[in-house]
């Protein structure tokens, strides 16, 4: 189940869809039926991925799941990172996300590592106040964000604009705190 969660329901549904299409298209008799298989399985995939994030009423568009426990609630649509403890908003800041080729993954995660003065081993760029939640993806400060605004993008990380806000959030977040990344 852990692997499915990491891959996401969309990837699993697409993989199943691909297998169904491949199976149907491998025999000459089934070739006309391949379109039918695609249509039916696509409908199933749509139902699987159509699960919406339930929001708390209000202008911040906070996911309801973030209201219990300690959460870094990250809304890609509103471009906000919110640190919430038991339903109380502790801190909030502007954020930008991964580029189209290196998107920030949606889903539920946990902060598994913190690094105050981290430098990317792949891109050799500074990542101050890094809080890692999914592979190499982390929430961290970006001086580039301050320079370029929302026109820039990351390699999948959640970049924050305000150094003081990310410093504060970094000081409060603990390893094991939950992270929820969503579009709503």
N, C-alpha and C. Protein backbone atom coordinates (compact mmCIF):
# COMPACT_ATOMS: atom_id res chain seq x y z
N UNK A 1 0.83 -1.20 0.00
CA UNK A 1 0.00 0.00 0.00
C UNK A 1 0.87 1.26 0.00
N UNK A 2 2.04 1.21 0.68
CA UNK A 2 2.92 2.37 0.73
C UNK A 2 3.41 2.78 -0.65
N UNK A 3 3.72 1.80 -1.49
CA UNK A 3 4.18 2.09 -2.84
C UNK A 3 3.07 2.74 -3.65
N UNK A 4 1.85 2.21 -3.52
CA UNK A 4 0.72 2.80 -4.25
C UNK A 4 0.50 4.24 -3.83
N UNK A 5 0.66 4.50 -2.54
CA UNK A 5 0.47 5.87 -2.06
C UNK A 5 1.52 6.79 -2.67
N UNK A 6 2.77 6.31 -2.76
CA UNK A 6 3.84 7.13 -3.32
C UNK A 6 3.61 7.36 -4.81
N UNK A 7 3.18 6.33 -5.52
CA UNK A 7 2.95 6.49 -6.95
C UNK A 7 1.70 7.32 -7.22
N UNK A 8 0.73 7.17 -6.37
CA UNK A 8 -0.52 7.91 -6.55
C UNK A 8 -1.52 7.10 -7.34
N UNK A 9 -2.78 7.34 -7.05
CA UNK A 9 -3.86 6.61 -7.72
C UNK A 9 -3.88 6.87 -9.21
N UNK A 10 -3.51 8.08 -9.61
CA UNK A 10 -3.53 8.41 -11.04
C UNK A 10 -2.55 7.54 -11.80
N UNK A 11 -1.32 7.42 -11.31
CA UNK A 11 -0.32 6.61 -11.98
C UNK A 11 -0.77 5.16 -12.06
N UNK A 12 -1.33 4.64 -10.96
CA UNK A 12 -1.79 3.26 -10.94
C UNK A 12 -2.90 3.06 -11.96
N UNK A 13 -3.86 3.98 -12.00
CA UNK A 13 -4.97 3.85 -12.94
C UNK A 13 -4.47 3.92 -14.38
N UNK A 14 -3.53 4.81 -14.65
CA UNK A 14 -2.98 4.93 -16.01
C UNK A 14 -2.22 3.67 -16.37
N UNK A 15 -1.46 3.12 -15.41
CA UNK A 15 -0.71 1.89 -15.67
C UNK A 15 -1.67 0.75 -15.99
N UNK A 16 -2.77 0.65 -15.23
CA UNK A 16 -3.76 -0.40 -15.50
C UNK A 16 -4.41 -0.17 -16.85
N UNK A 17 -4.68 1.08 -17.16
CA UNK A 17 -5.28 1.41 -18.45
C UNK A 17 -4.33 1.00 -19.57
N UNK A 18 -3.04 1.31 -19.41
CA UNK A 18 -2.05 0.94 -20.41
C UNK A 18 -1.98 -0.56 -20.62
N UNK A 19 -2.03 -1.35 -19.55
CA UNK A 19 -1.99 -2.79 -19.66
C UNK A 19 -3.20 -3.30 -20.40
N UNK A 20 -4.39 -2.76 -20.09
CA UNK A 20 -5.62 -3.17 -20.77
C UNK A 20 -5.56 -2.87 -22.25
N UNK A 21 -5.05 -1.72 -22.62
CA UNK A 21 -4.96 -1.35 -24.03
C UNK A 21 -3.96 -2.25 -24.73
N UNK A 22 -2.81 -2.49 -24.08
CA UNK A 22 -1.80 -3.35 -24.67
C UNK A 22 -2.35 -4.75 -24.89
N UNK A 23 -3.03 -5.30 -23.92
CA UNK A 23 -3.59 -6.64 -24.02
C UNK A 23 -4.59 -6.71 -25.15
N UNK A 24 -5.47 -5.73 -25.25
CA UNK A 24 -6.49 -5.75 -26.29
C UNK A 24 -5.89 -5.56 -27.67
N UNK A 25 -4.83 -4.77 -27.77
CA UNK A 25 -4.26 -4.47 -29.08
C UNK A 25 -3.29 -5.54 -29.57
N UNK A 26 -2.94 -6.51 -28.73
CA UNK A 26 -1.96 -7.50 -29.16
C UNK A 26 -2.55 -8.57 -30.06
N UNK A 27 -3.84 -8.79 -30.01
CA UNK A 27 -4.45 -9.77 -30.90
C UNK A 27 -5.17 -9.06 -32.03
N UNK A 28 -5.12 -9.65 -33.22
CA UNK A 28 -5.72 -9.02 -34.40
C UNK A 28 -7.23 -8.89 -34.24
N UNK A 29 -7.87 -9.87 -33.62
CA UNK A 29 -9.33 -9.82 -33.48
C UNK A 29 -9.75 -8.72 -32.51
N UNK A 30 -8.92 -8.44 -31.53
CA UNK A 30 -9.30 -7.49 -30.49
C UNK A 30 -8.98 -6.05 -30.84
N UNK A 31 -8.28 -5.81 -31.93
CA UNK A 31 -7.88 -4.45 -32.29
C UNK A 31 -9.06 -3.49 -32.36
N UNK A 32 -10.21 -3.85 -33.00
CA UNK A 32 -11.33 -2.91 -32.99
C UNK A 32 -11.88 -2.67 -31.59
N UNK A 33 -11.74 -3.66 -30.71
CA UNK A 33 -12.29 -3.53 -29.36
C UNK A 33 -11.40 -2.67 -28.47
N UNK A 34 -10.19 -2.34 -28.90
CA UNK A 34 -9.27 -1.55 -28.07
C UNK A 34 -9.86 -0.21 -27.70
N UNK A 35 -10.58 0.44 -28.61
CA UNK A 35 -11.20 1.73 -28.31
C UNK A 35 -12.22 1.58 -27.20
N UNK A 36 -12.97 0.50 -27.21
CA UNK A 36 -13.97 0.25 -26.17
C UNK A 36 -13.28 0.09 -24.82
N UNK A 37 -12.19 -0.67 -24.80
CA UNK A 37 -11.46 -0.89 -23.56
C UNK A 37 -10.94 0.43 -23.02
N UNK A 38 -10.39 1.27 -23.88
CA UNK A 38 -9.89 2.57 -23.46
C UNK A 38 -11.00 3.41 -22.85
N UNK A 39 -12.14 3.46 -23.49
CA UNK A 39 -13.25 4.28 -23.01
C UNK A 39 -13.72 3.82 -21.64
N UNK A 40 -13.89 2.50 -21.46
CA UNK A 40 -14.39 2.01 -20.18
C UNK A 40 -13.36 2.22 -19.08
N UNK A 41 -12.11 1.89 -19.36
CA UNK A 41 -11.09 2.04 -18.33
C UNK A 41 -10.80 3.50 -18.04
N UNK A 42 -10.91 4.37 -19.04
CA UNK A 42 -10.72 5.81 -18.80
C UNK A 42 -11.78 6.32 -17.86
N UNK A 43 -13.01 5.84 -18.01
CA UNK A 43 -14.09 6.26 -17.12
C UNK A 43 -13.79 5.82 -15.69
N UNK A 44 -13.26 4.61 -15.54
CA UNK A 44 -12.89 4.12 -14.21
C UNK A 44 -11.77 4.98 -13.64
N UNK A 45 -10.77 5.30 -14.45
CA UNK A 45 -9.65 6.13 -14.00
C UNK A 45 -10.14 7.50 -13.55
N UNK A 46 -11.10 8.08 -14.27
CA UNK A 46 -11.65 9.38 -13.91
C UNK A 46 -12.32 9.32 -12.55
N UNK A 47 -13.09 8.26 -12.30
CA UNK A 47 -13.76 8.12 -11.01
C UNK A 47 -12.74 7.97 -9.90
N UNK A 48 -11.65 7.24 -10.15
CA UNK A 48 -10.62 7.01 -9.14
C UNK A 48 -9.92 8.32 -8.78
N UNK A 49 -9.60 9.14 -9.77
CA UNK A 49 -8.85 10.35 -9.50
C UNK A 49 -9.73 11.57 -9.21
N UNK A 50 -11.04 11.42 -9.27
CA UNK A 50 -11.94 12.54 -9.08
C UNK A 50 -12.14 12.90 -7.61
N UNK A 51 -11.47 12.19 -6.70
CA UNK A 51 -11.60 12.48 -5.27
C UNK A 51 -11.14 13.91 -5.02
N UNK A 52 -12.02 14.71 -4.47
CA UNK A 52 -11.69 16.12 -4.21
C UNK A 52 -11.22 16.31 -2.78
N UNK A 53 -10.40 17.30 -2.60
CA UNK A 53 -9.97 17.67 -1.26
C UNK A 53 -11.08 18.45 -0.60
N UNK A 54 -11.51 18.00 0.57
CA UNK A 54 -12.57 18.68 1.31
C UNK A 54 -11.96 19.88 2.01
N UNK A 55 -12.56 21.05 1.80
CA UNK A 55 -12.02 22.29 2.36
C UNK A 55 -12.82 22.78 3.55
N UNK A 56 -12.14 23.48 4.44
CA UNK A 56 -12.78 24.17 5.54
C UNK A 56 -13.33 25.47 4.96
N UNK A 57 -14.57 25.85 5.28
CA UNK A 57 -15.10 27.11 4.75
C UNK A 57 -14.21 28.30 5.14
N UNK A 58 -14.02 29.21 4.18
CA UNK A 58 -13.19 30.39 4.44
C UNK A 58 -12.35 30.73 3.24
N UNK A 59 -11.70 31.86 3.31
CA UNK A 59 -10.96 32.36 2.16
C UNK A 59 -9.61 31.68 1.95
N UNK A 60 -9.09 30.98 2.93
CA UNK A 60 -7.75 30.39 2.81
C UNK A 60 -7.73 29.06 2.06
N UNK A 61 -8.86 28.43 1.87
CA UNK A 61 -8.94 27.14 1.18
C UNK A 61 -8.06 26.09 1.86
N UNK A 62 -8.26 25.93 3.17
CA UNK A 62 -7.50 24.96 3.95
C UNK A 62 -8.18 23.60 3.82
N UNK A 63 -7.39 22.57 3.56
CA UNK A 63 -7.92 21.21 3.49
C UNK A 63 -8.35 20.77 4.89
N UNK A 64 -9.50 20.12 4.96
CA UNK A 64 -10.06 19.69 6.24
C UNK A 64 -9.11 18.74 6.97
N UNK A 65 -8.37 17.93 6.22
CA UNK A 65 -7.43 16.98 6.82
C UNK A 65 -6.38 17.70 7.67
N UNK A 66 -6.08 18.95 7.35
CA UNK A 66 -5.03 19.71 8.06
C UNK A 66 -5.49 20.26 9.41
N UNK A 67 -6.73 20.02 9.78
CA UNK A 67 -7.28 20.63 10.99
C UNK A 67 -7.05 19.81 12.26
N UNK A 68 -6.47 18.62 12.13
CA UNK A 68 -6.21 17.78 13.31
C UNK A 68 -4.75 17.39 13.31
N UNK A 69 -4.04 17.74 14.36
CA UNK A 69 -2.61 17.41 14.44
C UNK A 69 -1.74 18.56 13.95
N UNK A 70 -0.50 18.23 13.65
CA UNK A 70 0.50 19.21 13.19
C UNK A 70 0.69 19.03 11.69
N UNK A 71 0.39 20.06 10.92
CA UNK A 71 0.43 19.97 9.45
C UNK A 71 1.13 21.15 8.81
N UNK A 72 1.91 20.84 7.79
CA UNK A 72 2.32 21.83 6.80
C UNK A 72 1.32 21.62 5.68
N UNK A 73 0.40 22.51 5.55
CA UNK A 73 -0.68 22.40 4.57
C UNK A 73 -0.28 23.27 3.38
N UNK A 74 -0.08 22.64 2.21
CA UNK A 74 0.47 23.35 1.05
C UNK A 74 -0.54 23.32 -0.08
N UNK A 75 -1.11 24.50 -0.39
CA UNK A 75 -2.12 24.61 -1.44
C UNK A 75 -1.48 25.22 -2.68
N UNK A 76 -1.37 24.42 -3.73
CA UNK A 76 -0.72 24.89 -4.96
C UNK A 76 -1.59 25.87 -5.73
N UNK A 77 -2.90 25.78 -5.55
CA UNK A 77 -3.79 26.70 -6.27
C UNK A 77 -3.70 28.12 -5.70
N UNK A 78 -3.71 28.23 -4.38
CA UNK A 78 -3.63 29.56 -3.74
C UNK A 78 -2.18 30.00 -3.51
N UNK A 79 -1.23 29.09 -3.79
CA UNK A 79 0.20 29.37 -3.63
C UNK A 79 0.55 29.75 -2.20
N UNK A 80 0.07 28.94 -1.26
CA UNK A 80 0.32 29.21 0.15
C UNK A 80 0.84 27.97 0.86
N UNK A 81 1.73 28.21 1.81
CA UNK A 81 2.17 27.20 2.77
C UNK A 81 1.63 27.66 4.11
N UNK A 82 0.90 26.79 4.80
CA UNK A 82 0.33 27.13 6.09
C UNK A 82 0.77 26.09 7.12
N UNK A 83 1.30 26.55 8.24
CA UNK A 83 1.63 25.64 9.33
C UNK A 83 0.47 25.72 10.31
N UNK A 84 -0.18 24.58 10.51
CA UNK A 84 -1.40 24.52 11.32
C UNK A 84 -1.21 23.48 12.42
N UNK A 85 -1.54 23.84 13.65
CA UNK A 85 -1.48 22.91 14.77
C UNK A 85 -2.87 22.84 15.40
N UNK A 86 -3.46 21.65 15.35
CA UNK A 86 -4.80 21.39 15.90
C UNK A 86 -5.82 22.44 15.47
N UNK A 87 -5.83 22.76 14.20
CA UNK A 87 -6.81 23.69 13.64
C UNK A 87 -6.46 25.15 13.77
N UNK A 88 -5.35 25.48 14.43
CA UNK A 88 -4.95 26.88 14.61
C UNK A 88 -3.82 27.22 13.64
N UNK A 89 -4.03 28.25 12.84
CA UNK A 89 -3.02 28.70 11.89
C UNK A 89 -1.89 29.39 12.66
N UNK A 90 -0.70 28.82 12.59
CA UNK A 90 0.47 29.36 13.29
C UNK A 90 1.25 30.31 12.39
N UNK A 91 1.42 29.94 11.12
CA UNK A 91 2.16 30.78 10.17
C UNK A 91 1.71 30.46 8.76
N UNK A 92 1.87 31.46 7.87
CA UNK A 92 1.44 31.31 6.48
C UNK A 92 2.39 32.13 5.61
N UNK A 93 2.70 31.59 4.42
CA UNK A 93 3.58 32.33 3.52
C UNK A 93 3.35 31.97 2.06
N UNK A 94 3.83 32.86 1.18
CA UNK A 94 3.72 32.64 -0.27
C UNK A 94 4.68 31.54 -0.71
N UNK A 95 4.25 30.80 -1.74
CA UNK A 95 5.09 29.71 -2.24
C UNK A 95 4.96 29.57 -3.74
N UNK A 96 5.96 28.96 -4.34
CA UNK A 96 5.88 28.53 -5.74
C UNK A 96 6.37 27.10 -5.79
N UNK A 97 6.15 26.45 -6.92
CA UNK A 97 6.32 25.01 -6.97
C UNK A 97 7.15 24.58 -8.17
N UNK A 98 7.21 23.27 -8.39
CA UNK A 98 8.00 22.70 -9.46
C UNK A 98 7.50 23.08 -10.84
N UNK A 99 8.42 23.04 -11.80
CA UNK A 99 8.10 23.30 -13.20
C UNK A 99 7.30 22.13 -13.76
N UNK A 100 6.80 22.28 -14.98
CA UNK A 100 5.99 21.23 -15.61
C UNK A 100 6.74 19.91 -15.71
N UNK A 101 8.04 19.96 -15.98
CA UNK A 101 8.83 18.73 -16.12
C UNK A 101 9.29 18.17 -14.78
N UNK A 102 9.25 18.98 -13.75
CA UNK A 102 9.66 18.54 -12.41
C UNK A 102 8.63 19.01 -11.39
N UNK A 103 7.40 18.48 -11.45
CA UNK A 103 6.33 18.99 -10.59
C UNK A 103 6.49 18.60 -9.12
N UNK A 104 5.90 19.42 -8.27
CA UNK A 104 5.81 19.10 -6.86
C UNK A 104 4.70 18.07 -6.71
N UNK A 105 5.00 16.96 -6.04
CA UNK A 105 4.02 15.88 -5.89
C UNK A 105 2.90 16.26 -4.94
N UNK A 106 1.67 15.93 -5.32
CA UNK A 106 0.52 16.08 -4.43
C UNK A 106 0.42 14.85 -3.55
N UNK A 107 -0.17 15.01 -2.37
CA UNK A 107 -0.42 13.86 -1.50
C UNK A 107 -0.09 14.14 -0.05
N UNK A 108 -0.14 13.06 0.73
CA UNK A 108 0.17 13.12 2.16
C UNK A 108 1.57 12.60 2.41
N UNK A 109 2.34 13.34 3.18
CA UNK A 109 3.72 12.98 3.46
C UNK A 109 4.02 13.33 4.91
N UNK A 110 5.26 13.10 5.33
CA UNK A 110 5.75 13.53 6.65
C UNK A 110 7.12 14.17 6.47
N UNK A 111 7.41 15.14 7.31
CA UNK A 111 8.75 15.73 7.31
C UNK A 111 9.67 14.66 7.88
N UNK A 112 10.64 14.22 7.07
CA UNK A 112 11.53 13.16 7.53
C UNK A 112 12.96 13.67 7.78
N UNK A 113 13.23 14.90 7.37
CA UNK A 113 14.57 15.47 7.58
C UNK A 113 14.49 16.98 7.53
N UNK A 114 15.29 17.63 8.40
CA UNK A 114 15.41 19.09 8.38
C UNK A 114 16.88 19.43 8.25
N UNK A 115 17.16 20.48 7.48
CA UNK A 115 18.55 20.92 7.30
C UNK A 115 18.57 22.45 7.22
N UNK A 116 19.17 23.08 8.20
CA UNK A 116 19.16 24.55 8.31
C UNK A 116 19.86 25.23 7.14
N UNK A 117 21.03 24.75 6.74
CA UNK A 117 21.81 25.39 5.68
C UNK A 117 22.12 24.40 4.57
N UNK A 118 21.10 23.76 4.05
CA UNK A 118 21.27 22.71 3.05
C UNK A 118 21.68 23.28 1.69
N UNK A 119 22.51 22.52 0.97
CA UNK A 119 22.87 22.85 -0.41
C UNK A 119 22.54 21.61 -1.23
N UNK A 120 21.81 21.79 -2.33
CA UNK A 120 21.41 20.67 -3.18
C UNK A 120 22.63 19.94 -3.72
N UNK A 121 22.63 18.62 -3.57
CA UNK A 121 23.75 17.83 -4.09
C UNK A 121 23.63 17.64 -5.60
N UNK A 122 22.43 17.82 -6.15
CA UNK A 122 22.22 17.67 -7.60
C UNK A 122 22.42 19.00 -8.33
N UNK A 123 21.77 20.06 -7.85
CA UNK A 123 21.78 21.35 -8.55
C UNK A 123 22.75 22.36 -7.94
N UNK A 124 23.36 22.01 -6.81
CA UNK A 124 24.36 22.84 -6.12
C UNK A 124 23.82 24.24 -5.78
N UNK A 125 22.53 24.30 -5.49
CA UNK A 125 21.93 25.58 -5.11
C UNK A 125 21.58 25.55 -3.63
N UNK A 126 21.65 26.71 -2.98
CA UNK A 126 21.33 26.77 -1.55
C UNK A 126 19.84 26.52 -1.30
N UNK A 127 19.56 25.78 -0.24
CA UNK A 127 18.18 25.47 0.17
C UNK A 127 18.04 25.73 1.67
N UNK A 128 18.16 26.99 2.11
CA UNK A 128 18.10 27.26 3.55
C UNK A 128 16.75 26.86 4.15
N UNK A 129 16.80 26.39 5.38
CA UNK A 129 15.60 25.98 6.13
C UNK A 129 14.84 24.86 5.42
N UNK A 130 15.56 23.89 4.88
CA UNK A 130 14.94 22.80 4.13
C UNK A 130 14.26 21.80 5.06
N UNK A 131 13.00 21.50 4.72
CA UNK A 131 12.22 20.48 5.43
C UNK A 131 11.79 19.46 4.38
N UNK A 132 12.48 18.32 4.33
CA UNK A 132 12.25 17.31 3.30
C UNK A 132 11.01 16.48 3.63
N UNK A 133 10.18 16.26 2.59
CA UNK A 133 8.94 15.51 2.80
C UNK A 133 8.70 14.41 1.78
N UNK A 134 9.35 14.44 0.61
CA UNK A 134 9.12 13.42 -0.41
C UNK A 134 10.36 13.30 -1.29
N UNK A 135 11.15 12.27 -1.05
CA UNK A 135 12.40 12.12 -1.81
C UNK A 135 13.27 13.35 -1.60
N UNK A 136 13.68 14.00 -2.68
CA UNK A 136 14.48 15.21 -2.58
C UNK A 136 13.66 16.47 -2.51
N UNK A 137 12.33 16.35 -2.49
CA UNK A 137 11.47 17.53 -2.43
C UNK A 137 11.37 18.05 -1.00
N UNK A 138 11.49 19.37 -0.88
CA UNK A 138 11.49 20.00 0.44
C UNK A 138 10.81 21.36 0.36
N UNK A 139 10.37 21.83 1.51
CA UNK A 139 9.91 23.21 1.64
C UNK A 139 11.16 23.97 2.09
N UNK A 140 11.51 25.07 1.40
CA UNK A 140 12.69 25.84 1.80
C UNK A 140 12.60 27.27 1.25
N UNK A 141 13.47 28.12 1.78
CA UNK A 141 13.57 29.51 1.30
C UNK A 141 14.25 29.53 -0.05
N UNK A 142 13.85 30.49 -0.90
CA UNK A 142 14.50 30.66 -2.20
C UNK A 142 14.72 32.14 -2.47
N UNK A 143 15.99 32.54 -2.54
CA UNK A 143 16.30 33.94 -2.87
C UNK A 143 15.92 34.21 -4.32
N UNK A 144 15.93 33.18 -5.16
CA UNK A 144 15.52 33.30 -6.56
C UNK A 144 14.03 33.66 -6.65
N UNK A 145 13.23 33.11 -5.74
CA UNK A 145 11.79 33.43 -5.73
C UNK A 145 11.61 34.92 -5.45
N UNK A 146 12.38 35.43 -4.52
CA UNK A 146 12.27 36.85 -4.20
C UNK A 146 12.64 37.69 -5.43
N UNK A 147 13.62 37.24 -6.21
CA UNK A 147 14.07 37.98 -7.39
C UNK A 147 13.11 37.84 -8.57
N UNK A 148 12.58 36.63 -8.82
CA UNK A 148 11.74 36.37 -10.00
C UNK A 148 10.26 36.27 -9.73
N UNK A 149 9.87 36.11 -8.48
CA UNK A 149 8.45 35.95 -8.16
C UNK A 149 7.91 34.63 -8.67
N UNK A 150 6.65 34.63 -9.06
CA UNK A 150 5.99 33.40 -9.49
C UNK A 150 6.43 32.96 -10.89
N UNK A 151 7.20 33.78 -11.61
CA UNK A 151 7.66 33.42 -12.95
C UNK A 151 8.71 32.31 -12.91
N UNK A 152 9.40 32.15 -11.81
CA UNK A 152 10.39 31.09 -11.68
C UNK A 152 9.71 29.79 -11.27
N UNK A 153 10.50 28.75 -11.16
CA UNK A 153 9.99 27.45 -10.72
C UNK A 153 11.13 26.66 -10.11
N UNK A 154 10.77 25.61 -9.40
CA UNK A 154 11.78 24.77 -8.76
C UNK A 154 11.89 23.44 -9.51
N UNK A 155 12.71 22.56 -8.98
CA UNK A 155 12.84 21.21 -9.51
C UNK A 155 11.94 20.26 -8.73
N UNK A 156 10.86 20.77 -8.15
CA UNK A 156 9.92 19.96 -7.39
C UNK A 156 9.75 20.43 -5.96
N UNK A 157 10.66 21.25 -5.49
CA UNK A 157 10.56 21.76 -4.12
C UNK A 157 9.47 22.83 -4.01
N UNK A 158 9.11 23.12 -2.77
CA UNK A 158 8.20 24.21 -2.46
C UNK A 158 9.09 25.37 -2.02
N UNK A 159 9.17 26.39 -2.86
CA UNK A 159 10.00 27.57 -2.57
C UNK A 159 9.17 28.61 -1.83
N UNK A 160 9.73 29.17 -0.77
CA UNK A 160 9.05 30.24 -0.05
C UNK A 160 9.78 31.56 -0.26
N UNK A 161 9.00 32.62 -0.34
CA UNK A 161 9.50 33.96 -0.65
C UNK A 161 10.13 34.66 0.56
N UNK A 162 9.49 34.60 1.70
CA UNK A 162 9.85 35.41 2.87
C UNK A 162 10.78 34.64 3.82
N UNK A 163 12.01 35.13 3.97
CA UNK A 163 13.01 34.45 4.81
C UNK A 163 12.59 34.38 6.27
N UNK A 164 12.00 35.44 6.80
CA UNK A 164 11.60 35.44 8.21
C UNK A 164 10.49 34.43 8.47
N UNK A 165 9.55 34.32 7.53
CA UNK A 165 8.45 33.36 7.72
C UNK A 165 8.95 31.92 7.67
N UNK A 166 9.82 31.61 6.71
CA UNK A 166 10.33 30.24 6.62
C UNK A 166 11.23 29.92 7.80
N UNK A 167 11.99 30.91 8.30
CA UNK A 167 12.80 30.71 9.52
C UNK A 167 11.89 30.34 10.69
N UNK A 168 10.77 31.06 10.83
CA UNK A 168 9.84 30.80 11.92
C UNK A 168 9.21 29.42 11.77
N UNK A 169 8.74 29.11 10.57
CA UNK A 169 8.11 27.80 10.33
C UNK A 169 9.12 26.69 10.59
N UNK A 170 10.36 26.85 10.10
CA UNK A 170 11.41 25.85 10.31
C UNK A 170 11.64 25.60 11.79
N UNK A 171 11.62 26.68 12.59
CA UNK A 171 11.86 26.53 14.04
C UNK A 171 10.73 25.79 14.75
N UNK A 172 9.53 25.83 14.21
CA UNK A 172 8.37 25.21 14.85
C UNK A 172 8.07 23.79 14.36
N UNK A 173 8.35 23.50 13.10
CA UNK A 173 8.05 22.18 12.53
C UNK A 173 9.00 21.14 13.11
N UNK A 174 8.44 19.96 13.43
CA UNK A 174 9.23 18.86 13.97
C UNK A 174 9.29 17.73 12.95
N UNK A 175 10.34 16.94 13.04
CA UNK A 175 10.42 15.74 12.20
C UNK A 175 9.23 14.86 12.59
N UNK A 176 8.53 14.38 11.56
CA UNK A 176 7.33 13.57 11.79
C UNK A 176 6.04 14.34 11.60
N UNK A 177 6.13 15.70 11.56
CA UNK A 177 4.92 16.49 11.28
C UNK A 177 4.42 16.14 9.89
N UNK A 178 3.11 16.18 9.72
CA UNK A 178 2.50 15.80 8.45
C UNK A 178 2.57 16.95 7.45
N UNK A 179 2.63 16.56 6.17
CA UNK A 179 2.64 17.51 5.06
C UNK A 179 1.54 17.08 4.11
N UNK A 180 0.68 18.02 3.72
CA UNK A 180 -0.38 17.71 2.76
C UNK A 180 -0.28 18.72 1.62
N UNK A 181 -0.02 18.21 0.40
CA UNK A 181 0.13 19.05 -0.79
C UNK A 181 -1.08 18.79 -1.68
N UNK A 182 -1.77 19.87 -2.09
CA UNK A 182 -3.02 19.70 -2.86
C UNK A 182 -3.28 20.93 -3.73
N UNK A 183 -4.26 20.79 -4.62
CA UNK A 183 -4.74 21.88 -5.49
C UNK A 183 -6.21 22.09 -5.17
N UNK A 184 -6.57 23.15 -4.51
CA UNK A 184 -7.99 23.42 -4.25
C UNK A 184 -8.20 24.88 -3.90
